[in-house]
Full PDB file with SEQRES, HELIX, SHEET, SSBOND, CRYST1, ORIGX, SCALE, CONECT and MASTER records, all heavy atoms in Angstrom:
SEQRES   1 A   30  THR LEU TYR LEU GLN MET ASN SER LEU LYS PHE GLU ASP          
SEQRES   2 A   30  THR ALA MET TYR TYR CYS ALA ARG VAL ARG ALA PRO TRP          
SEQRES   3 A   30  CYS ARG ARG SER                                              
HELIX    1 AA1 PHE A   11  ASP A   13  5                                   3    
HELIX    2 AA2 ALA A   24  TRP A   26  5                                   3    
CRYST1    1.000    1.000    1.000  90.00  90.00  90.00 P 1           1          
ORIGX1      1.000000  0.000000  0.000000        0.00000                         
ORIGX2      0.000000  1.000000  0.000000        0.00000                         
ORIGX3      0.000000  0.000000  1.000000        0.00000                         
SCALE1      1.000000  0.000000  0.000000        0.00000                         
SCALE2      0.000000  1.000000  0.000000        0.00000                         
SCALE3      0.000000  0.000000  1.000000        0.00000                         
ATOM      1  N   THR A   1      -5.580  -3.068 -18.432  1.00  0.00           N  
ATOM      2  CA  THR A   1      -4.122  -3.015 -18.374  1.00  0.00           C  
ATOM      3  C   THR A   1      -3.651  -2.027 -17.314  1.00  0.00           C  
ATOM      4  O   THR A   1      -4.193  -0.923 -17.198  1.00  0.00           O  
ATOM      5  CB  THR A   1      -3.539  -2.632 -19.738  1.00  0.00           C  
ATOM      6  OG1 THR A   1      -3.923  -3.612 -20.706  1.00  0.00           O  
ATOM      7  CG2 THR A   1      -2.022  -2.565 -19.683  1.00  0.00           C  
ATOM      8  N   LEU A   2      -2.640  -2.428 -16.570  1.00  0.00           N  
ATOM      9  CA  LEU A   2      -2.001  -1.612 -15.544  1.00  0.00           C  
ATOM     10  C   LEU A   2      -0.663  -1.107 -16.073  1.00  0.00           C  
ATOM     11  O   LEU A   2       0.024  -1.818 -16.811  1.00  0.00           O  
ATOM     12  CB  LEU A   2      -1.787  -2.460 -14.293  1.00  0.00           C  
ATOM     13  CG  LEU A   2      -1.029  -1.835 -13.122  1.00  0.00           C  
ATOM     14  CD1 LEU A   2      -1.887  -0.786 -12.439  1.00  0.00           C  
ATOM     15  CD2 LEU A   2      -0.602  -2.918 -12.142  1.00  0.00           C  
ATOM     16  N   TYR A   3      -0.264   0.106 -15.666  1.00  0.00           N  
ATOM     17  CA  TYR A   3       0.993   0.697 -16.110  1.00  0.00           C  
ATOM     18  C   TYR A   3       1.803   1.216 -14.933  1.00  0.00           C  
ATOM     19  O   TYR A   3       1.275   1.555 -13.881  1.00  0.00           O  
ATOM     20  CB  TYR A   3       0.739   1.871 -17.062  1.00  0.00           C  
ATOM     21  CG  TYR A   3      -0.079   1.522 -18.266  1.00  0.00           C  
ATOM     22  CD1 TYR A   3      -1.450   1.781 -18.299  1.00  0.00           C  
ATOM     23  CD2 TYR A   3       0.508   0.931 -19.383  1.00  0.00           C  
ATOM     24  CE1 TYR A   3      -2.207   1.459 -19.410  1.00  0.00           C  
ATOM     25  CE2 TYR A   3      -0.243   0.609 -20.495  1.00  0.00           C  
ATOM     26  CZ  TYR A   3      -1.600   0.872 -20.507  1.00  0.00           C  
ATOM     27  OH  TYR A   3      -2.347   0.546 -21.614  1.00  0.00           O  
ATOM     28  N   LEU A   4       3.111   1.291 -15.142  1.00  0.00           N  
ATOM     29  CA  LEU A   4       3.998   1.965 -14.207  1.00  0.00           C  
ATOM     30  C   LEU A   4       4.982   2.801 -15.011  1.00  0.00           C  
ATOM     31  O   LEU A   4       5.842   2.258 -15.702  1.00  0.00           O  
ATOM     32  CB  LEU A   4       4.754   0.961 -13.326  1.00  0.00           C  
ATOM     33  CG  LEU A   4       5.641   1.587 -12.242  1.00  0.00           C  
ATOM     34  CD1 LEU A   4       4.781   2.256 -11.166  1.00  0.00           C  
ATOM     35  CD2 LEU A   4       6.566   0.544 -11.618  1.00  0.00           C  
ATOM     36  N   GLN A   5       4.832   4.113 -14.942  1.00  0.00           N  
ATOM     37  CA  GLN A   5       5.772   5.029 -15.573  1.00  0.00           C  
ATOM     38  C   GLN A   5       6.893   5.307 -14.587  1.00  0.00           C  
ATOM     39  O   GLN A   5       6.645   5.806 -13.490  1.00  0.00           O  
ATOM     40  CB  GLN A   5       5.077   6.331 -15.967  1.00  0.00           C  
ATOM     41  CG  GLN A   5       5.989   7.361 -16.611  1.00  0.00           C  
ATOM     42  CD  GLN A   5       6.519   6.917 -17.955  1.00  0.00           C  
ATOM     43  OE1 GLN A   5       5.755   6.432 -18.786  1.00  0.00           O  
ATOM     44  NE2 GLN A   5       7.813   7.067 -18.173  1.00  0.00           N  
ATOM     45  N   MET A   6       8.124   5.003 -14.978  1.00  0.00           N  
ATOM     46  CA  MET A   6       9.284   5.158 -14.110  1.00  0.00           C  
ATOM     47  C   MET A   6      10.214   6.201 -14.713  1.00  0.00           C  
ATOM     48  O   MET A   6      10.766   5.997 -15.797  1.00  0.00           O  
ATOM     49  CB  MET A   6      10.018   3.831 -13.937  1.00  0.00           C  
ATOM     50  CG  MET A   6       9.131   2.708 -13.420  1.00  0.00           C  
ATOM     51  SD  MET A   6      10.061   1.195 -13.058  1.00  0.00           S  
ATOM     52  CE  MET A   6      10.579   0.754 -14.714  1.00  0.00           C  
ATOM     53  N   ASN A   7      10.387   7.309 -14.013  1.00  0.00           N  
ATOM     54  CA  ASN A   7      11.272   8.386 -14.437  1.00  0.00           C  
ATOM     55  C   ASN A   7      12.413   8.544 -13.445  1.00  0.00           C  
ATOM     56  O   ASN A   7      12.344   8.071 -12.315  1.00  0.00           O  
ATOM     57  CB  ASN A   7      10.503   9.705 -14.545  1.00  0.00           C  
ATOM     58  CG  ASN A   7       9.404   9.673 -15.574  1.00  0.00           C  
ATOM     59  OD1 ASN A   7       9.509   9.003 -16.594  1.00  0.00           O  
ATOM     60  ND2 ASN A   7       8.336  10.420 -15.320  1.00  0.00           N  
ATOM     61  N   SER A   8      13.462   9.239 -13.870  1.00  0.00           N  
ATOM     62  CA  SER A   8      14.625   9.502 -13.016  1.00  0.00           C  
ATOM     63  C   SER A   8      15.127   8.236 -12.345  1.00  0.00           C  
ATOM     64  O   SER A   8      15.373   8.195 -11.140  1.00  0.00           O  
ATOM     65  CB  SER A   8      14.271  10.562 -11.967  1.00  0.00           C  
ATOM     66  OG  SER A   8      13.848  11.762 -12.579  1.00  0.00           O  
ATOM     67  N   LEU A   9      15.297   7.198 -13.136  1.00  0.00           N  
ATOM     68  CA  LEU A   9      15.673   5.893 -12.593  1.00  0.00           C  
ATOM     69  C   LEU A   9      17.056   5.923 -11.952  1.00  0.00           C  
ATOM     70  O   LEU A   9      17.965   6.591 -12.438  1.00  0.00           O  
ATOM     71  CB  LEU A   9      15.619   4.835 -13.688  1.00  0.00           C  
ATOM     72  CG  LEU A   9      14.204   4.352 -14.013  1.00  0.00           C  
ATOM     73  CD1 LEU A   9      14.168   3.685 -15.375  1.00  0.00           C  
ATOM     74  CD2 LEU A   9      13.708   3.396 -12.936  1.00  0.00           C  
ATOM     75  N   LYS A  10      17.183   5.171 -10.861  1.00  0.00           N  
ATOM     76  CA  LYS A  10      18.418   5.053 -10.113  1.00  0.00           C  
ATOM     77  C   LYS A  10      18.916   3.618 -10.153  1.00  0.00           C  
ATOM     78  O   LYS A  10      18.142   2.694 -10.395  1.00  0.00           O  
ATOM     79  CB  LYS A  10      18.192   5.456  -8.647  1.00  0.00           C  
ATOM     80  CG  LYS A  10      17.621   6.837  -8.445  1.00  0.00           C  
ATOM     81  CD  LYS A  10      17.308   7.069  -6.979  1.00  0.00           C  
ATOM     82  CE  LYS A  10      16.737   8.451  -6.744  1.00  0.00           C  
ATOM     83  NZ  LYS A  10      16.422   8.676  -5.312  1.00  0.00           N  
ATOM     84  N   PHE A  11      20.199   3.430  -9.870  1.00  0.00           N  
ATOM     85  CA  PHE A  11      20.758   2.088  -9.813  1.00  0.00           C  
ATOM     86  C   PHE A  11      19.980   1.212  -8.825  1.00  0.00           C  
ATOM     87  O   PHE A  11      19.781   0.019  -9.076  1.00  0.00           O  
ATOM     88  CB  PHE A  11      22.229   2.141  -9.409  1.00  0.00           C  
ATOM     89  CG  PHE A  11      22.844   0.792  -9.190  1.00  0.00           C  
ATOM     90  CD1 PHE A  11      23.207   0.000 -10.268  1.00  0.00           C  
ATOM     91  CD2 PHE A  11      23.051   0.313  -7.907  1.00  0.00           C  
ATOM     92  CE1 PHE A  11      23.768  -1.248 -10.071  1.00  0.00           C  
ATOM     93  CE2 PHE A  11      23.617  -0.934  -7.704  1.00  0.00           C  
ATOM     94  CZ  PHE A  11      23.973  -1.717  -8.796  1.00  0.00           C  
ATOM     95  N   GLU A  12      19.537   1.789  -7.729  1.00  0.00           N  
ATOM     96  CA  GLU A  12      18.809   1.058  -6.699  1.00  0.00           C  
ATOM     97  C   GLU A  12      17.445   0.548  -7.168  1.00  0.00           C  
ATOM     98  O   GLU A  12      16.824  -0.265  -6.475  1.00  0.00           O  
ATOM     99  CB  GLU A  12      18.596   1.936  -5.460  1.00  0.00           C  
ATOM    100  CG  GLU A  12      19.855   2.596  -4.943  1.00  0.00           C  
ATOM    101  CD  GLU A  12      20.043   3.987  -5.514  1.00  0.00           C  
ATOM    102  OE1 GLU A  12      19.538   4.949  -4.897  1.00  0.00           O  
ATOM    103  OE2 GLU A  12      20.701   4.103  -6.576  1.00  0.00           O  
ATOM    104  N   ASP A  13      16.964   1.019  -8.314  1.00  0.00           N  
ATOM    105  CA  ASP A  13      15.700   0.542  -8.864  1.00  0.00           C  
ATOM    106  C   ASP A  13      15.857  -0.775  -9.622  1.00  0.00           C  
ATOM    107  O   ASP A  13      14.859  -1.370 -10.035  1.00  0.00           O  
ATOM    108  CB  ASP A  13      15.092   1.582  -9.803  1.00  0.00           C  
ATOM    109  CG  ASP A  13      14.716   2.874  -9.094  1.00  0.00           C  
ATOM    110  OD1 ASP A  13      14.158   2.796  -7.973  1.00  0.00           O  
ATOM    111  OD2 ASP A  13      14.980   3.953  -9.655  1.00  0.00           O  
ATOM    112  N   THR A  14      17.078  -1.226  -9.827  1.00  0.00           N  
ATOM    113  CA  THR A  14      17.327  -2.477 -10.538  1.00  0.00           C  
ATOM    114  C   THR A  14      16.685  -3.643  -9.796  1.00  0.00           C  
ATOM    115  O   THR A  14      16.965  -3.868  -8.620  1.00  0.00           O  
ATOM    116  CB  THR A  14      18.829  -2.722 -10.690  1.00  0.00           C  
ATOM    117  OG1 THR A  14      19.398  -1.694 -11.499  1.00  0.00           O  
ATOM    118  CG2 THR A  14      19.103  -4.070 -11.350  1.00  0.00           C  
ATOM    119  N   ALA A  15      15.817  -4.388 -10.480  1.00  0.00           N  
ATOM    120  CA  ALA A  15      15.084  -5.490  -9.864  1.00  0.00           C  
ATOM    121  C   ALA A  15      14.204  -6.164 -10.904  1.00  0.00           C  
ATOM    122  O   ALA A  15      14.014  -5.651 -12.009  1.00  0.00           O  
ATOM    123  CB  ALA A  15      14.213  -4.983  -8.714  1.00  0.00           C  
ATOM    124  N   MET A  16      13.656  -7.315 -10.523  1.00  0.00           N  
ATOM    125  CA  MET A  16      12.569  -7.913 -11.273  1.00  0.00           C  
ATOM    126  C   MET A  16      11.281  -7.269 -10.775  1.00  0.00           C  
ATOM    127  O   MET A  16      11.040  -7.225  -9.559  1.00  0.00           O  
ATOM    128  CB  MET A  16      12.530  -9.420 -11.063  1.00  0.00           C  
ATOM    129  CG  MET A  16      11.503 -10.142 -11.918  1.00  0.00           C  
ATOM    130  SD  MET A  16      11.980 -10.246 -13.666  1.00  0.00           S  
ATOM    131  CE  MET A  16      13.240 -11.521 -13.592  1.00  0.00           C  
ATOM    132  N   TYR A  17      10.483  -6.765 -11.687  1.00  0.00           N  
ATOM    133  CA  TYR A  17       9.240  -6.093 -11.336  1.00  0.00           C  
ATOM    134  C   TYR A  17       8.048  -6.991 -11.628  1.00  0.00           C  
ATOM    135  O   TYR A  17       7.920  -7.522 -12.737  1.00  0.00           O  
ATOM    136  CB  TYR A  17       9.105  -4.781 -12.108  1.00  0.00           C  
ATOM    137  CG  TYR A  17       9.940  -3.671 -11.526  1.00  0.00           C  
ATOM    138  CD1 TYR A  17      11.331  -3.701 -11.628  1.00  0.00           C  
ATOM    139  CD2 TYR A  17       9.357  -2.602 -10.854  1.00  0.00           C  
ATOM    140  CE1 TYR A  17      12.109  -2.701 -11.069  1.00  0.00           C  
ATOM    141  CE2 TYR A  17      10.122  -1.593 -10.298  1.00  0.00           C  
ATOM    142  CZ  TYR A  17      11.497  -1.648 -10.413  1.00  0.00           C  
ATOM    143  OH  TYR A  17      12.271  -0.650  -9.860  1.00  0.00           O  
ATOM    144  N   TYR A  18       7.177  -7.133 -10.639  1.00  0.00           N  
ATOM    145  CA  TYR A  18       6.021  -8.017 -10.728  1.00  0.00           C  
ATOM    146  C   TYR A  18       4.720  -7.240 -10.602  1.00  0.00           C  
ATOM    147  O   TYR A  18       4.582  -6.376  -9.732  1.00  0.00           O  
ATOM    148  CB  TYR A  18       6.050  -9.058  -9.604  1.00  0.00           C  
ATOM    149  CG  TYR A  18       7.244  -9.969  -9.622  1.00  0.00           C  
ATOM    150  CD1 TYR A  18       8.400  -9.640  -8.931  1.00  0.00           C  
ATOM    151  CD2 TYR A  18       7.208 -11.174 -10.317  1.00  0.00           C  
ATOM    152  CE1 TYR A  18       9.499 -10.480  -8.932  1.00  0.00           C  
ATOM    153  CE2 TYR A  18       8.301 -12.022 -10.320  1.00  0.00           C  
ATOM    154  CZ  TYR A  18       9.438 -11.672  -9.625  1.00  0.00           C  
ATOM    155  OH  TYR A  18      10.527 -12.516  -9.622  1.00  0.00           O  
ATOM    156  N   CYS A  19       3.773  -7.573 -11.438  1.00  0.00           N  
ATOM    157  CA  CYS A  19       2.401  -7.098 -11.321  1.00  0.00           C  
ATOM    158  C   CYS A  19       1.654  -8.055 -10.399  1.00  0.00           C  
ATOM    159  O   CYS A  19       1.934  -9.260 -10.383  1.00  0.00           O  
ATOM    160  CB  CYS A  19       1.768  -7.075 -12.716  1.00  0.00           C  
ATOM    161  SG  CYS A  19       0.048  -6.566 -12.794  1.00  0.00           S  
ATOM    162  N   ALA A  20       0.699  -7.543  -9.612  1.00  0.00           N  
ATOM    163  CA  ALA A  20      -0.017  -8.391  -8.675  1.00  0.00           C  
ATOM    164  C   ALA A  20      -1.427  -7.882  -8.410  1.00  0.00           C  
ATOM    165  O   ALA A  20      -1.691  -6.683  -8.489  1.00  0.00           O  
ATOM    166  CB  ALA A  20       0.739  -8.480  -7.350  1.00  0.00           C  
ATOM    167  N   ARG A  21      -2.309  -8.811  -8.087  1.00  0.00           N  
ATOM    168  CA  ARG A  21      -3.638  -8.480  -7.583  1.00  0.00           C  
ATOM    169  C   ARG A  21      -3.589  -8.596  -6.072  1.00  0.00           C  
ATOM    170  O   ARG A  21      -3.095  -9.589  -5.534  1.00  0.00           O  
ATOM    171  CB  ARG A  21      -4.696  -9.421  -8.161  1.00  0.00           C  
ATOM    172  CG  ARG A  21      -6.119  -8.918  -7.977  1.00  0.00           C  
ATOM    173  CD  ARG A  21      -7.124  -9.821  -8.655  1.00  0.00           C  
ATOM    174  NE  ARG A  21      -7.595 -10.875  -7.766  1.00  0.00           N  
ATOM    175  CZ  ARG A  21      -8.487 -11.794  -8.102  1.00  0.00           C  
ATOM    176  NH1 ARG A  21      -8.989 -11.809  -9.338  1.00  0.00           N  
ATOM    177  NH2 ARG A  21      -8.860 -12.718  -7.227  1.00  0.00           N  
ATOM    178  N   VAL A  22      -4.098  -7.580  -5.386  1.00  0.00           N  
ATOM    179  CA  VAL A  22      -3.975  -7.460  -3.943  1.00  0.00           C  
ATOM    180  C   VAL A  22      -5.344  -7.611  -3.290  1.00  0.00           C  
ATOM    181  O   VAL A  22      -6.337  -7.074  -3.789  1.00  0.00           O  
ATOM    182  CB  VAL A  22      -3.348  -6.100  -3.563  1.00  0.00           C  
ATOM    183  CG1 VAL A  22      -3.187  -5.978  -2.050  1.00  0.00           C  
ATOM    184  CG2 VAL A  22      -2.009  -5.911  -4.261  1.00  0.00           C  
ATOM    185  N   ARG A  23      -5.386  -8.315  -2.181  1.00  0.00           N  
ATOM    186  CA  ARG A  23      -6.624  -8.446  -1.423  1.00  0.00           C  
ATOM    187  C   ARG A  23      -7.069  -7.072  -0.934  1.00  0.00           C  
ATOM    188  O   ARG A  23      -6.265  -6.316  -0.378  1.00  0.00           O  
ATOM    189  CB  ARG A  23      -6.428  -9.404  -0.250  1.00  0.00           C  
ATOM    190  CG  ARG A  23      -5.916 -10.772  -0.676  1.00  0.00           C  
ATOM    191  CD  ARG A  23      -5.830 -11.735   0.494  1.00  0.00           C  
ATOM    192  NE  ARG A  23      -4.947 -12.854   0.212  1.00  0.00           N  
ATOM    193  CZ  ARG A  23      -5.285 -13.929  -0.484  1.00  0.00           C  
ATOM    194  NH1 ARG A  23      -6.504 -14.047  -0.997  1.00  0.00           N  
ATOM    195  NH2 ARG A  23      -4.400 -14.890  -0.686  1.00  0.00           N  
ATOM    196  N   ALA A  24      -8.335  -6.764  -1.108  1.00  0.00           N  
ATOM    197  CA  ALA A  24      -8.865  -5.413  -0.949  1.00  0.00           C  
ATOM    198  C   ALA A  24      -8.488  -4.685   0.343  1.00  0.00           C  
ATOM    199  O   ALA A  24      -8.124  -3.508   0.283  1.00  0.00           O  
ATOM    200  CB  ALA A  24     -10.387  -5.437  -1.115  1.00  0.00           C  
ATOM    201  N   PRO A  25      -8.565  -5.335   1.518  1.00  0.00           N  
ATOM    202  CA  PRO A  25      -8.252  -4.591   2.747  1.00  0.00           C  
ATOM    203  C   PRO A  25      -6.797  -4.171   2.865  1.00  0.00           C  
ATOM    204  O   PRO A  25      -6.471  -3.359   3.733  1.00  0.00           O  
ATOM    205  CB  PRO A  25      -8.604  -5.587   3.859  1.00  0.00           C  
ATOM    206  CG  PRO A  25      -9.476  -6.607   3.218  1.00  0.00           C  
ATOM    207  CD  PRO A  25      -8.991  -6.711   1.806  1.00  0.00           C  
ATOM    208  N   TRP A  26      -5.924  -4.701   1.997  1.00  0.00           N  
ATOM    209  CA  TRP A  26      -4.486  -4.483   2.117  1.00  0.00           C  
ATOM    210  C   TRP A  26      -3.900  -3.663   0.980  1.00  0.00           C  
ATOM    211  O   TRP A  26      -2.692  -3.686   0.772  1.00  0.00           O  
ATOM    212  CB  TRP A  26      -3.777  -5.840   2.203  1.00  0.00           C  
ATOM    213  CG  TRP A  26      -4.305  -6.688   3.311  1.00  0.00           C  
ATOM    214  CD1 TRP A  26      -5.133  -7.754   3.200  1.00  0.00           C  
ATOM    215  CD2 TRP A  26      -4.060  -6.507   4.708  1.00  0.00           C  
ATOM    216  NE1 TRP A  26      -5.411  -8.266   4.430  1.00  0.00           N  
ATOM    217  CE2 TRP A  26      -4.772  -7.526   5.378  1.00  0.00           C  
ATOM    218  CE3 TRP A  26      -3.300  -5.595   5.459  1.00  0.00           C  
ATOM    219  CZ2 TRP A  26      -4.752  -7.649   6.766  1.00  0.00           C  
ATOM    220  CZ3 TRP A  26      -3.288  -5.714   6.832  1.00  0.00           C  
ATOM    221  CH2 TRP A  26      -4.007  -6.735   7.472  1.00  0.00           C  
ATOM    222  N   CYS A  27      -4.709  -2.912   0.256  1.00  0.00           N  
ATOM    223  CA  CYS A  27      -4.229  -2.203  -0.923  1.00  0.00           C  
ATOM    224  C   CYS A  27      -3.061  -1.266  -0.591  1.00  0.00           C  
ATOM    225  O   CYS A  27      -2.059  -1.238  -1.293  1.00  0.00           O  
ATOM    226  CB  CYS A  27      -5.359  -1.417  -1.590  1.00  0.00           C  
ATOM    227  SG  CYS A  27      -4.967  -0.881  -3.266  1.00  0.00           S  
ATOM    228  N   ARG A  28      -3.185  -0.503   0.488  1.00  0.00           N  
ATOM    229  CA  ARG A  28      -2.106   0.403   0.885  1.00  0.00           C  
ATOM    230  C   ARG A  28      -1.020  -0.337   1.655  1.00  0.00           C  
ATOM    231  O   ARG A  28       0.168  -0.176   1.364  1.00  0.00           O  
ATOM    232  CB  ARG A  28      -2.667   1.552   1.721  1.00  0.00           C  
ATOM    233  CG  ARG A  28      -1.604   2.515   2.243  1.00  0.00           C  
ATOM    234  CD  ARG A  28      -2.220   3.653   3.048  1.00  0.00           C  
ATOM    235  NE  ARG A  28      -2.992   3.159   4.176  1.00  0.00           N  
ATOM    236  CZ  ARG A  28      -2.488   2.800   5.358  1.00  0.00           C  
ATOM    237  NH1 ARG A  28      -1.176   2.891   5.573  1.00  0.00           N  
ATOM    238  NH2 ARG A  28      -3.283   2.360   6.319  1.00  0.00           N  
ATOM    239  N   ARG A  29      -1.422  -1.157   2.612  1.00  0.00           N  
ATOM    240  CA  ARG A  29      -0.441  -1.767   3.502  1.00  0.00           C  
ATOM    241  C   ARG A  29       0.330  -2.908   2.862  1.00  0.00           C  
ATOM    242  O   ARG A  29       1.352  -3.328   3.415  1.00  0.00           O  
ATOM    243  CB  ARG A  29      -1.123  -2.219   4.787  1.00  0.00           C  
ATOM    244  CG  ARG A  29      -1.629  -1.040   5.615  1.00  0.00           C  
ATOM    245  CD  ARG A  29      -2.114  -1.467   6.967  1.00  0.00           C  
ATOM    246  NE  ARG A  29      -1.027  -2.009   7.782  1.00  0.00           N  
ATOM    247  CZ  ARG A  29      -1.177  -2.528   8.989  1.00  0.00           C  
ATOM    248  NH1 ARG A  29      -2.385  -2.576   9.530  1.00  0.00           N  
ATOM    249  NH2 ARG A  29      -0.133  -2.988   9.646  1.00  0.00           N  
ATOM    250  N   SER A  30      -0.104  -3.399   1.703  1.00  0.00           N  
ATOM    251  CA  SER A  30       0.668  -4.420   1.001  1.00  0.00           C  
ATOM    252  C   SER A  30       2.036  -3.899   0.581  1.00  0.00           C  
ATOM    253  O   SER A  30       2.953  -4.678   0.335  1.00  0.00           O  
ATOM    254  CB  SER A  30      -0.087  -4.941  -0.221  1.00  0.00           C  
ATOM    255  OG  SER A  30      -0.258  -3.915  -1.189  1.00  0.00           O  
TER     256      SER A  30                                                      
MASTER        0    0    0    2    0    0    0    6  255    1    0    3          
END                                                                             
């Protein structure tokens, strides 16, 4: 299981949030 702890939320954080598997060479640049 993957988690995302979100603190000090702002109005600009409003969105649909998606979990994803990323191709290995692009982990940072994705």
